[in-house]
């Protein structure tokens, strides 16, 4: 356990961010999987939105986002 005051705060912040990041990553994975399994074009905007949000929060790299978008679009074609 941290001893210093700023280390305690850093731990609290880290735990909060961890929860939020986990939620975003889970939404990302479910959104992509939904399109890959259903192969419906109607699900594309939701998947693209979740991918863009993950990039905006620096959870995935922009090149990975582009690769995922291409893979999802190809599957829904």
C-alpha atoms as a PDB file:
ATOM      1  CA  UNK A   1       0.000   0.000   0.000  1.00  0.00           C
ATOM      2  CA  UNK A   2       1.178   3.522  -0.738  1.00  0.00           C
ATOM      3  CA  UNK A   3       2.437   5.621   2.129  1.00  0.00           C
ATOM      4  CA  UNK A   4       2.706   9.087   0.622  1.00  0.00           C
ATOM      5  CA  UNK A   5      -0.364  11.249   0.125  1.00  0.00           C
ATOM      6  CA  UNK A   6       0.185  11.710  -3.610  1.00  0.00           C
ATOM      7  CA  UNK A   7       0.761   7.972  -4.071  1.00  0.00           C
ATOM      8  CA  UNK A   8      -2.559   7.249  -2.357  1.00  0.00           C
ATOM      9  CA  UNK A   9      -4.309   9.669  -4.681  1.00  0.00           C
ATOM     10  CA  UNK A  10      -2.575   8.150  -7.710  1.00  0.00           C
ATOM     11  CA  UNK A  11      -3.826   4.733  -6.641  1.00  0.00           C
ATOM     12  CA  UNK A  12      -7.411   6.003  -6.349  1.00  0.00           C
ATOM     13  CA  UNK A  13      -7.238   7.674  -9.763  1.00  0.00           C
ATOM     14  CA  UNK A  14      -5.717   4.567 -11.298  1.00  0.00           C
ATOM     15  CA  UNK A  15      -8.487   2.360  -9.924  1.00  0.00           C
ATOM     16  CA  UNK A  16     -11.189   4.727 -11.241  1.00  0.00           C
ATOM     17  CA  UNK A  17      -9.618   4.823 -14.701  1.00  0.00           C
ATOM     18  CA  UNK A  18      -9.255   1.048 -14.691  1.00  0.00           C
ATOM     19  CA  UNK A  19     -13.001   0.611 -14.196  1.00  0.00           C
ATOM     20  CA  UNK A  20     -13.869   3.070 -16.967  1.00  0.00           C
ATOM     21  CA  UNK A  21     -11.314   1.590 -19.386  1.00  0.00           C
ATOM     22  CA  UNK A  22     -12.618  -1.906 -18.740  1.00  0.00           C
ATOM     23  CA  UNK A  23     -16.170  -0.777 -19.569  1.00  0.00           C
ATOM     24  CA  UNK A  24     -15.078   0.870 -22.820  1.00  0.00           C
ATOM     25  CA  UNK A  25     -13.016  -2.150 -23.883  1.00  0.00           C
ATOM     26  CA  UNK A  26     -15.907  -4.491 -23.131  1.00  0.00           C
ATOM     27  CA  UNK A  27     -18.281  -2.377 -25.235  1.00  0.00           C
ATOM     28  CA  UNK A  28     -15.691  -2.330 -28.006  1.00  0.00           C
ATOM     29  CA  UNK A  29     -15.305  -6.102 -28.055  1.00  0.00           C
ATOM     30  CA  UNK A  30     -19.041  -6.789 -27.901  1.00  0.00           C
ATOM     31  CA  UNK A  31     -19.774  -4.252 -30.638  1.00  0.00           C
ATOM     32  CA  UNK A  32     -17.182  -5.722 -32.988  1.00  0.00           C
ATOM     33  CA  UNK A  33     -18.193  -9.310 -32.225  1.00  0.00           C
ATOM     34  CA  UNK A  34     -21.846  -8.461 -32.814  1.00  0.00           C
ATOM     35  CA  UNK A  35     -21.125  -7.295 -36.359  1.00  0.00           C
ATOM     36  CA  UNK A  36     -18.732 -10.151 -37.102  1.00  0.00           C
ATOM     37  CA  UNK A  37     -21.316 -12.732 -36.025  1.00  0.00           C
ATOM     38  CA  UNK A  38     -24.517 -11.167 -37.363  1.00  0.00           C
ATOM     39  CA  UNK A  39     -22.940  -9.668 -40.522  1.00  0.00           C
ATOM     40  CA  UNK A  40     -25.581  -6.928 -40.606  1.00  0.00           C
ATOM     41  CA  UNK A  41     -24.885  -3.506 -42.073  1.00  0.00           C
ATOM     42  CA  UNK A  42     -27.288  -1.956 -39.561  1.00  0.00           C
ATOM     43  CA  UNK A  43     -24.853  -2.710 -36.723  1.00  0.00           C
ATOM     44  CA  UNK A  44     -21.923  -0.919 -38.388  1.00  0.00           C
ATOM     45  CA  UNK A  45     -22.503   2.622 -37.036  1.00  0.00           C
ATOM     46  CA  UNK A  46     -22.588   1.371 -33.451  1.00  0.00           C
ATOM     47  CA  UNK A  47     -19.386  -0.622 -33.940  1.00  0.00           C
ATOM     48  CA  UNK A  48     -17.616   2.311 -35.597  1.00  0.00           C
ATOM     49  CA  UNK A  49     -18.719   4.580 -32.777  1.00  0.00           C
ATOM     50  CA  UNK A  50     -17.334   2.304 -30.071  1.00  0.00           C
ATOM     51  CA  UNK A  51     -14.053   1.912 -31.980  1.00  0.00           C
ATOM     52  CA  UNK A  52     -13.703   5.694 -32.312  1.00  0.00           C
ATOM     53  CA  UNK A  53     -14.432   6.209 -28.624  1.00  0.00           C
ATOM     54  CA  UNK A  54     -11.740   3.695 -27.672  1.00  0.00           C
ATOM     55  CA  UNK A  55      -9.232   5.566 -29.843  1.00  0.00           C
ATOM     56  CA  UNK A  56     -10.265   8.885 -28.343  1.00  0.00           C
ATOM     57  CA  UNK A  57      -9.562   7.533 -24.848  1.00  0.00           C
ATOM     58  CA  UNK A  58      -6.191   6.096 -25.996  1.00  0.00           C
ATOM     59  CA  UNK A  59      -7.240   2.516 -25.283  1.00  0.00           C
ATOM     60  CA  UNK A  60      -6.335   1.302 -28.756  1.00  0.00           C
ATOM     61  CA  UNK A  61      -4.019   2.697 -31.414  1.00  0.00           C
ATOM     62  CA  UNK A  62      -5.499   4.494 -34.416  1.00  0.00           C
ATOM     63  CA  UNK A  63      -4.001   1.912 -36.795  1.00  0.00           C
ATOM     64  CA  UNK A  64      -5.662  -0.896 -34.866  1.00  0.00           C
ATOM     65  CA  UNK A  65      -8.921   1.041 -35.073  1.00  0.00           C
ATOM     66  CA  UNK A  66      -8.556   1.343 -38.840  1.00  0.00           C
ATOM     67  CA  UNK A  67      -7.831  -2.390 -39.090  1.00  0.00           C
ATOM     68  CA  UNK A  68     -10.890  -3.238 -36.967  1.00  0.00           C
ATOM     69  CA  UNK A  69     -13.126  -0.942 -39.011  1.00  0.00           C
ATOM     70  CA  UNK A  70     -11.953  -2.541 -42.242  1.00  0.00           C
ATOM     71  CA  UNK A  71     -12.478  -6.025 -40.865  1.00  0.00           C
ATOM     72  CA  UNK A  72     -15.964  -5.171 -39.591  1.00  0.00           C
ATOM     73  CA  UNK A  73     -16.984  -3.442 -42.832  1.00  0.00           C
ATOM     74  CA  UNK A  74     -15.739  -6.367 -44.888  1.00  0.00           C
ATOM     75  CA  UNK A  75     -17.681  -8.826 -42.740  1.00  0.00           C
ATOM     76  CA  UNK A  76     -20.896  -6.792 -43.017  1.00  0.00           C
ATOM     77  CA  UNK A  77     -20.602  -6.424 -46.778  1.00  0.00           C
END
